[in-house]
């Protein structure tokens, strides 16, 4: 009679732990599947009601590409597209979709990309956006700097 032998790993990492250490693929296409606090976030940025309602009705798609250390995050709806093109740690001047002139710096911490948009004009608001990438989704957390206004959006990989 043969006995079935079960192997038990006592030392080192399990296959699950090894999988958790593998880098997540960042590049890809993602569709937004949920949002929390988005309208309050837009309102805190003084986006007018008509644009807020249009933004709330949209279903954005996020496309992430990278080539030679140059990243591009393109968010598109049927009405509007916005692109964030950057090299990690290098300041970029841009105009936001709500009309603010900002200097943006994007850094990376593991599977998180952190974008800080600093308003150039006194009285305008600055924002911080953290995009955390997982195998099957992106969790995007946006905050208005200096306030408690936070928005969370989840994008599913397609």
Protein backbone atom coordinates (compact mmCIF):
# COMPACT_ATOMS: atom_id res chain seq x y z
CA UNK A 1 0.00 0.00 0.00
CA UNK A 2 1.37 3.41 -0.97
CA UNK A 3 1.00 6.36 1.34
CA UNK A 4 0.41 9.80 0.00
CA UNK A 5 3.05 12.17 1.29
CA UNK A 6 2.15 15.80 1.81
CA UNK A 7 4.95 18.28 1.67
CA UNK A 8 5.10 20.98 4.28
CA UNK A 9 7.33 23.98 3.83
CA UNK A 10 8.86 24.98 7.14
CA UNK A 11 11.42 27.51 5.95
CA UNK A 12 11.35 30.18 3.28
CA UNK A 13 8.29 31.68 1.66
CA UNK A 14 5.12 30.07 0.48
CA UNK A 15 4.04 30.27 -3.16
CA UNK A 16 1.39 32.81 -2.11
CA UNK A 17 4.01 35.02 -0.45
CA UNK A 18 6.22 34.80 -3.55
CA UNK A 19 3.26 35.78 -5.77
CA UNK A 20 2.57 38.76 -3.51
CA UNK A 21 6.17 39.94 -4.01
CA UNK A 22 5.99 39.81 -7.81
CA UNK A 23 5.69 43.22 -9.47
CA UNK A 24 2.22 44.23 -10.59
CA UNK A 25 1.82 45.09 -14.27
CA UNK A 26 1.02 48.80 -14.31
CA UNK A 27 0.59 49.31 -18.06
CA UNK A 28 -2.90 48.59 -19.32
CA UNK A 29 -6.48 49.75 -19.73
CA UNK A 30 -8.92 50.20 -16.84
CA UNK A 31 -12.62 51.16 -16.61
CA UNK A 32 -14.01 52.99 -13.59
CA UNK A 33 -16.42 50.77 -11.68
CA UNK A 34 -17.07 52.87 -8.57
CA UNK A 35 -16.52 56.24 -6.94
CA UNK A 36 -17.01 57.73 -3.49
CA UNK A 37 -16.95 61.43 -2.72
CA UNK A 38 -16.25 62.55 -6.29
CA UNK A 39 -18.88 65.30 -6.41
CA UNK A 40 -17.65 66.76 -3.08
CA UNK A 41 -14.09 66.68 -4.45
CA UNK A 42 -15.12 68.57 -7.59
CA UNK A 43 -17.14 71.06 -5.54
CA UNK A 44 -14.12 71.70 -3.27
CA UNK A 45 -12.15 72.57 -6.42
CA UNK A 46 -14.87 75.11 -7.34
CA UNK A 47 -15.94 73.19 -10.44
CA UNK A 48 -19.27 74.63 -11.60
CA UNK A 49 -22.43 72.58 -11.22
CA UNK A 50 -22.87 71.85 -14.94
CA UNK A 51 -19.35 70.41 -15.25
CA UNK A 52 -19.78 68.48 -11.97
CA UNK A 53 -22.98 66.86 -13.23
CA UNK A 54 -21.31 65.92 -16.53
CA UNK A 55 -18.32 64.45 -14.66
CA UNK A 56 -20.60 62.49 -12.34
CA UNK A 57 -22.49 61.01 -15.30
CA UNK A 58 -19.31 59.91 -17.07
CA UNK A 59 -17.69 56.47 -17.03
CA UNK A 60 -13.98 57.17 -17.52
CA UNK A 61 -11.40 54.82 -18.94
CA UNK A 62 -7.77 55.01 -17.79
CA UNK A 63 -5.01 53.92 -20.17
CA UNK A 64 -1.48 53.66 -18.78
CA UNK A 65 1.55 53.46 -21.06
CA UNK A 66 5.28 53.67 -20.48
CA UNK A 67 8.25 53.97 -22.83
CA UNK A 68 11.84 54.63 -21.82
CA UNK A 69 10.92 55.95 -18.39
CA UNK A 70 8.26 58.30 -19.77
CA UNK A 71 4.81 57.52 -18.39
CA UNK A 72 1.39 58.53 -19.71
CA UNK A 73 -1.88 58.24 -17.80
CA UNK A 74 -4.77 59.10 -20.13
CA UNK A 75 -8.26 59.35 -18.65
CA UNK A 76 -11.04 59.56 -21.24
CA UNK A 77 -14.80 59.97 -21.28
CA UNK A 78 -17.13 60.53 -24.21
CA UNK A 79 -16.91 64.29 -23.52
CA UNK A 80 -13.31 64.92 -22.53
CA UNK A 81 -9.84 63.44 -22.20
CA UNK A 82 -6.97 64.43 -19.97
CA UNK A 83 -3.40 63.23 -20.09
CA UNK A 84 -0.73 63.21 -17.46
CA UNK A 85 2.64 62.69 -19.18
CA UNK A 86 5.64 62.59 -16.88
CA UNK A 87 8.99 61.25 -15.83
CA UNK A 88 9.19 60.24 -12.19
CA UNK A 89 10.33 63.06 -9.91
CA UNK A 90 10.48 65.72 -12.66
CA UNK A 91 8.20 68.77 -12.30
CA UNK A 92 5.77 69.34 -15.17
CA UNK A 93 3.65 72.45 -15.75
CA UNK A 94 0.10 71.77 -16.87
CA UNK A 95 -3.43 73.05 -17.00
CA UNK A 96 -6.01 70.88 -15.23
CA UNK A 97 -9.42 70.03 -16.71
CA UNK A 98 -10.99 72.48 -14.23
CA UNK A 99 -8.70 75.29 -15.47
CA UNK A 100 -6.07 75.50 -12.70
CA UNK A 101 -2.46 76.12 -13.68
CA UNK A 102 -0.36 73.69 -11.65
CA UNK A 103 3.09 72.20 -11.32
CA UNK A 104 2.82 68.42 -11.10
CA UNK A 105 5.40 66.05 -9.64
CA UNK A 106 4.80 62.29 -9.77
CA UNK A 107 6.73 59.87 -7.59
CA UNK A 108 6.49 56.12 -7.21
CA UNK A 109 6.42 54.01 -4.07
CA UNK A 110 6.21 50.33 -5.06
CA UNK A 111 2.89 49.87 -6.87
CA UNK A 112 1.71 53.39 -5.99
CA UNK A 113 2.08 56.49 -8.14
CA UNK A 114 1.67 59.71 -6.16
CA UNK A 115 0.87 62.90 -8.12
CA UNK A 116 1.03 66.24 -6.35
CA UNK A 117 -0.45 69.16 -8.28
CA UNK A 118 0.60 72.46 -6.73
CA UNK A 119 -1.51 75.44 -7.81
CA UNK A 120 0.51 78.32 -9.22
CA UNK A 121 -2.12 80.98 -8.47
CA UNK A 122 -2.80 82.18 -4.93
CA UNK A 123 -6.23 81.11 -3.68
CA UNK A 124 -6.44 78.08 -5.97
CA UNK A 125 -6.33 74.60 -4.53
CA UNK A 126 -3.64 71.96 -4.79
CA UNK A 127 -4.35 68.23 -5.00
CA UNK A 128 -2.69 64.92 -4.27
CA UNK A 129 -3.67 61.78 -6.18
CA UNK A 130 -2.47 58.31 -5.24
CA UNK A 131 -3.01 55.54 -7.76
CA UNK A 132 -2.39 52.11 -6.27
CA UNK A 133 -2.10 49.34 -8.84
CA UNK A 134 -3.18 45.75 -8.22
CA UNK A 135 -3.28 42.81 -10.65
CA UNK A 136 -6.94 43.43 -11.49
CA UNK A 137 -7.60 47.09 -10.60
CA UNK A 138 -6.39 50.57 -9.72
CA UNK A 139 -7.57 52.34 -6.57
CA UNK A 140 -7.29 56.09 -7.10
CA UNK A 141 -7.51 58.32 -4.02
CA UNK A 142 -7.69 62.08 -4.63
CA UNK A 143 -7.49 64.69 -1.93
CA UNK A 144 -7.66 68.47 -1.84
CA UNK A 145 -4.50 69.50 0.01
CA UNK A 146 -5.18 71.30 3.29
CA UNK A 147 -8.75 69.98 3.61
CA UNK A 148 -10.42 66.75 4.65
CA UNK A 149 -12.01 66.29 1.21
CA UNK A 150 -11.10 62.88 -0.20
CA UNK A 151 -12.44 60.99 -3.21
CA UNK A 152 -11.89 57.32 -4.02
CA UNK A 153 -12.34 55.80 -7.46
CA UNK A 154 -11.84 52.16 -8.42
CA UNK A 155 -10.89 51.18 -11.98
CA UNK A 156 -11.04 47.54 -13.10
CA UNK A 157 -8.49 46.16 -15.57
CA UNK A 158 -10.06 45.32 -18.94
